[in-house]
C-alpha atoms as a PDB file:
ATOM      1  CA  MET A   1     -42.658 -20.065  -6.605  1.00  0.00           C
ATOM      2  CA  ARG A   2     -41.937 -22.571  -9.386  1.00  0.00           C
ATOM      3  CA  LYS A   3     -41.680 -19.740 -11.945  1.00  0.00           C
ATOM      4  CA  VAL A   4     -39.109 -17.901  -9.783  1.00  0.00           C
ATOM      5  CA  HIS A   5     -37.049 -21.095  -9.384  1.00  0.00           C
ATOM      6  CA  MET A   6     -37.073 -21.728 -13.168  1.00  0.00           C
ATOM      7  CA  MET A   7     -36.084 -18.115 -13.817  1.00  0.00           C
ATOM      8  CA  THR A   8     -33.239 -18.282 -11.285  1.00  0.00           C
ATOM      9  CA  THR A   9     -32.014 -21.549 -12.802  1.00  0.00           C
ATOM     10  CA  SER A  10     -31.992 -20.111 -16.340  1.00  0.00           C
ATOM     11  CA  VAL A  11     -30.190 -16.953 -15.185  1.00  0.00           C
ATOM     12  CA  MET A  12     -27.578 -19.077 -13.415  1.00  0.00           C
ATOM     13  CA  ALA A  13     -27.155 -21.292 -16.490  1.00  0.00           C
ATOM     14  CA  ALA A  14     -26.770 -18.243 -18.728  1.00  0.00           C
ATOM     15  CA  GLY A  15     -24.246 -16.763 -16.315  1.00  0.00           C
ATOM     16  CA  LEU A  16     -22.281 -19.990 -16.192  1.00  0.00           C
ATOM     17  CA  ALA A  17     -22.327 -20.229 -19.981  1.00  0.00           C
ATOM     18  CA  SER A  18     -20.997 -16.661 -20.197  1.00  0.00           C
ATOM     19  CA  VAL A  19     -18.193 -17.409 -17.753  1.00  0.00           C
ATOM     20  CA  ILE A  20     -17.245 -20.563 -19.654  1.00  0.00           C
ATOM     21  CA  PHE A  21     -17.293 -18.649 -22.952  1.00  0.00           C
ATOM     22  CA  ILE A  22     -15.065 -15.902 -21.528  1.00  0.00           C
ATOM     23  CA  LEU A  23     -12.604 -18.400 -20.065  1.00  0.00           C
ATOM     24  CA  LEU A  24     -12.422 -20.352 -23.306  1.00  0.00           C
ATOM     25  CA  SER A  25     -12.054 -17.259 -25.462  1.00  0.00           C
ATOM     26  CA  TRP A  26      -9.276 -15.906 -23.241  1.00  0.00           C
ATOM     27  CA  GLY A  27      -7.537 -19.253 -23.130  1.00  0.00           C
ATOM     28  CA  MET A  28      -7.738 -20.132 -26.811  1.00  0.00           C
ATOM     29  CA  PRO A  29      -4.960 -17.829 -28.094  1.00  0.00           C
ATOM     30  CA  ALA A  30      -2.629 -19.142 -25.403  1.00  0.00           C
ATOM     31  CA  LEU A  31      -3.528 -22.731 -26.224  1.00  0.00           C
ATOM     32  CA  ALA A  32      -2.989 -22.098 -29.920  1.00  0.00           C
ATOM     33  CA  ALA A  33       0.385 -20.482 -29.252  1.00  0.00           C
ATOM     34  CA  ASP A  34       1.435 -23.403 -27.040  1.00  0.00           C
ATOM     35  CA  SER A  35       0.491 -25.952 -29.669  1.00  0.00           C
ATOM     36  CA  GLN A  36       2.510 -24.060 -32.269  1.00  0.00           C
ATOM     37  CA  THR A  37       5.647 -23.880 -30.131  1.00  0.00           C
ATOM     38  CA  GLN A  38       5.285 -27.462 -28.970  1.00  0.00           C
ATOM     39  CA  SER A  39       5.119 -28.685 -32.562  1.00  0.00           C
ATOM     40  CA  ASP A  40       8.569 -27.377 -33.448  1.00  0.00           C
ATOM     41  CA  SER A  41      11.725 -29.078 -32.197  1.00  0.00           C
ATOM     42  CA  GLN A  42      12.456 -26.361 -29.646  1.00  0.00           C
ATOM     43  CA  GLY A  43       9.224 -26.219 -27.669  1.00  0.00           C
ATOM     44  CA  SER A  44       8.662 -23.533 -25.100  1.00  0.00           C
ATOM     45  CA  TYR A  45      11.548 -24.306 -22.726  1.00  0.00           C
ATOM     46  CA  GLY A  46      14.450 -25.353 -24.913  1.00  0.00           C
ATOM     47  CA  GLU A  47      15.833 -28.136 -27.044  1.00  0.00           C
ATOM     48  CA  LYS A  48      14.286 -31.264 -25.456  1.00  0.00           C
ATOM     49  CA  GLN A  49      17.527 -33.151 -26.037  1.00  0.00           C
ATOM     50  CA  LYS A  50      20.883 -33.665 -24.365  1.00  0.00           C
ATOM     51  CA  ILE A  51      23.276 -30.737 -24.560  1.00  0.00           C
ATOM     52  CA  THR A  52      26.874 -31.920 -24.179  1.00  0.00           C
ATOM     53  CA  THR A  53      29.066 -28.955 -25.120  1.00  0.00           C
ATOM     54  CA  ALA A  54      29.170 -25.203 -24.517  1.00  0.00           C
ATOM     55  CA  GLY A  55      28.826 -24.747 -28.280  1.00  0.00           C
ATOM     56  CA  GLU A  56      25.580 -26.738 -28.315  1.00  0.00           C
ATOM     57  CA  ALA A  57      24.335 -24.717 -25.332  1.00  0.00           C
ATOM     58  CA  ARG A  58      25.129 -21.435 -27.131  1.00  0.00           C
ATOM     59  CA  LYS A  59      23.333 -22.665 -30.247  1.00  0.00           C
ATOM     60  CA  ALA A  60      20.297 -23.687 -28.154  1.00  0.00           C
ATOM     61  CA  LEU A  61      20.234 -20.281 -26.427  1.00  0.00           C
ATOM     62  CA  LYS A  62      20.499 -18.398 -29.729  1.00  0.00           C
ATOM     63  CA  LYS A  63      17.575 -20.438 -31.040  1.00  0.00           C
ATOM     64  CA  TYR A  64      15.604 -19.921 -27.819  1.00  0.00           C
ATOM     65  CA  PHE A  65      16.127 -16.130 -27.890  1.00  0.00           C
ATOM     66  CA  ALA A  66      15.899 -15.795 -31.691  1.00  0.00           C
ATOM     67  CA  ASP A  67      12.942 -13.398 -31.549  1.00  0.00           C
ATOM     68  CA  LYS A  68      14.568 -11.197 -28.883  1.00  0.00           C
ATOM     69  CA  ASP A  69      17.168  -8.475 -29.397  1.00  0.00           C
ATOM     70  CA  VAL A  70      19.725  -9.912 -26.964  1.00  0.00           C
ATOM     71  CA  ILE A  71      23.343 -11.050 -26.876  1.00  0.00           C
ATOM     72  CA  ILE A  72      24.368 -14.354 -25.319  1.00  0.00           C
ATOM     73  CA  GLY A  73      27.446 -13.921 -23.117  1.00  0.00           C
ATOM     74  CA  GLU A  74      30.094 -16.500 -22.280  1.00  0.00           C
ATOM     75  CA  VAL A  75      28.675 -19.982 -21.792  1.00  0.00           C
ATOM     76  CA  VAL A  76      30.184 -21.622 -18.698  1.00  0.00           C
ATOM     77  CA  GLU A  77      29.978 -25.360 -18.080  1.00  0.00           C
ATOM     78  CA  LYS A  78      28.887 -26.536 -14.636  1.00  0.00           C
ATOM     79  CA  GLU A  79      28.359 -30.095 -13.415  1.00  0.00           C
ATOM     80  CA  PHE A  80      24.708 -30.486 -14.467  1.00  0.00           C
ATOM     81  CA  TYR A  81      24.086 -27.440 -16.666  1.00  0.00           C
ATOM     82  CA  PHE A  82      25.563 -24.626 -18.733  1.00  0.00           C
ATOM     83  CA  GLU A  83      25.215 -21.043 -17.511  1.00  0.00           C
ATOM     84  CA  ALA A  84      25.193 -17.835 -19.571  1.00  0.00           C
ATOM     85  CA  ASP A  85      24.418 -14.148 -19.211  1.00  0.00           C
ATOM     86  CA  VAL A  86      21.811 -12.649 -21.514  1.00  0.00           C
ATOM     87  CA  MET A  87      22.577  -9.028 -22.350  1.00  0.00           C
ATOM     88  CA  ASP A  88      20.881  -6.172 -24.160  1.00  0.00           C
ATOM     89  CA  GLU A  89      22.497  -4.223 -27.011  1.00  0.00           C
ATOM     90  CA  ARG A  90      24.452  -2.086 -24.477  1.00  0.00           C
ATOM     91  CA  LYS A  91      25.878  -5.295 -22.976  1.00  0.00           C
ATOM     92  CA  THR A  92      23.939  -4.817 -19.750  1.00  0.00           C
ATOM     93  CA  VAL A  93      23.024  -8.161 -18.195  1.00  0.00           C
ATOM     94  CA  VAL A  94      19.244  -8.530 -18.328  1.00  0.00           C
ATOM     95  CA  ASP A  95      19.046 -12.203 -17.370  1.00  0.00           C
ATOM     96  CA  LYS A  96      21.164 -15.167 -16.326  1.00  0.00           C
ATOM     97  CA  VAL A  97      20.029 -18.520 -17.688  1.00  0.00           C
ATOM     98  CA  ILE A  98      20.970 -22.145 -17.405  1.00  0.00           C
ATOM     99  CA  VAL A  99      20.630 -24.946 -19.945  1.00  0.00           C
ATOM    100  CA  ASP A 100      20.107 -28.356 -18.380  1.00  0.00           C
ATOM    101  CA  LYS A 101      22.583 -30.870 -19.834  1.00  0.00           C
ATOM    102  CA  ARG A 102      20.168 -33.814 -19.686  1.00  0.00           C
ATOM    103  CA  THR A 103      17.045 -32.174 -21.089  1.00  0.00           C
ATOM    104  CA  GLY A 104      18.149 -29.011 -22.889  1.00  0.00           C
ATOM    105  CA  ARG A 105      15.637 -27.027 -20.847  1.00  0.00           C
ATOM    106  CA  VAL A 106      16.395 -23.304 -20.642  1.00  0.00           C
ATOM    107  CA  ARG A 107      15.558 -21.582 -17.362  1.00  0.00           C
ATOM    108  CA  SER A 108      16.194 -18.168 -15.838  1.00  0.00           C
ATOM    109  CA  ILE A 109      18.118 -18.044 -12.558  1.00  0.00           C
ATOM    110  CA  TYR A 110      18.412 -14.265 -12.298  1.00  0.00           C
END
């Protein structure tokens, strides 16, 4: 009986170790990517600073979408945020985003 219990315990420990290894190995590229984007001034959600003009909002959106093949439409000022359409090369709207005036955070509202 003791031998069976020890064997079951070691199988469970090995299984747990495998699960932990898989979770860590799957999570590591994402963690590395997050740490890279967080280290630059933009971060993963926008500027992390106040945006006070439509020009600043456009600049922030161009920076945010720099690696995408999109066009930023007209930037419209609202009370607490700026709003803009994001279009593909055919000028079809593919997203509508806002830029928070207080934080510079970019968020989809489409």
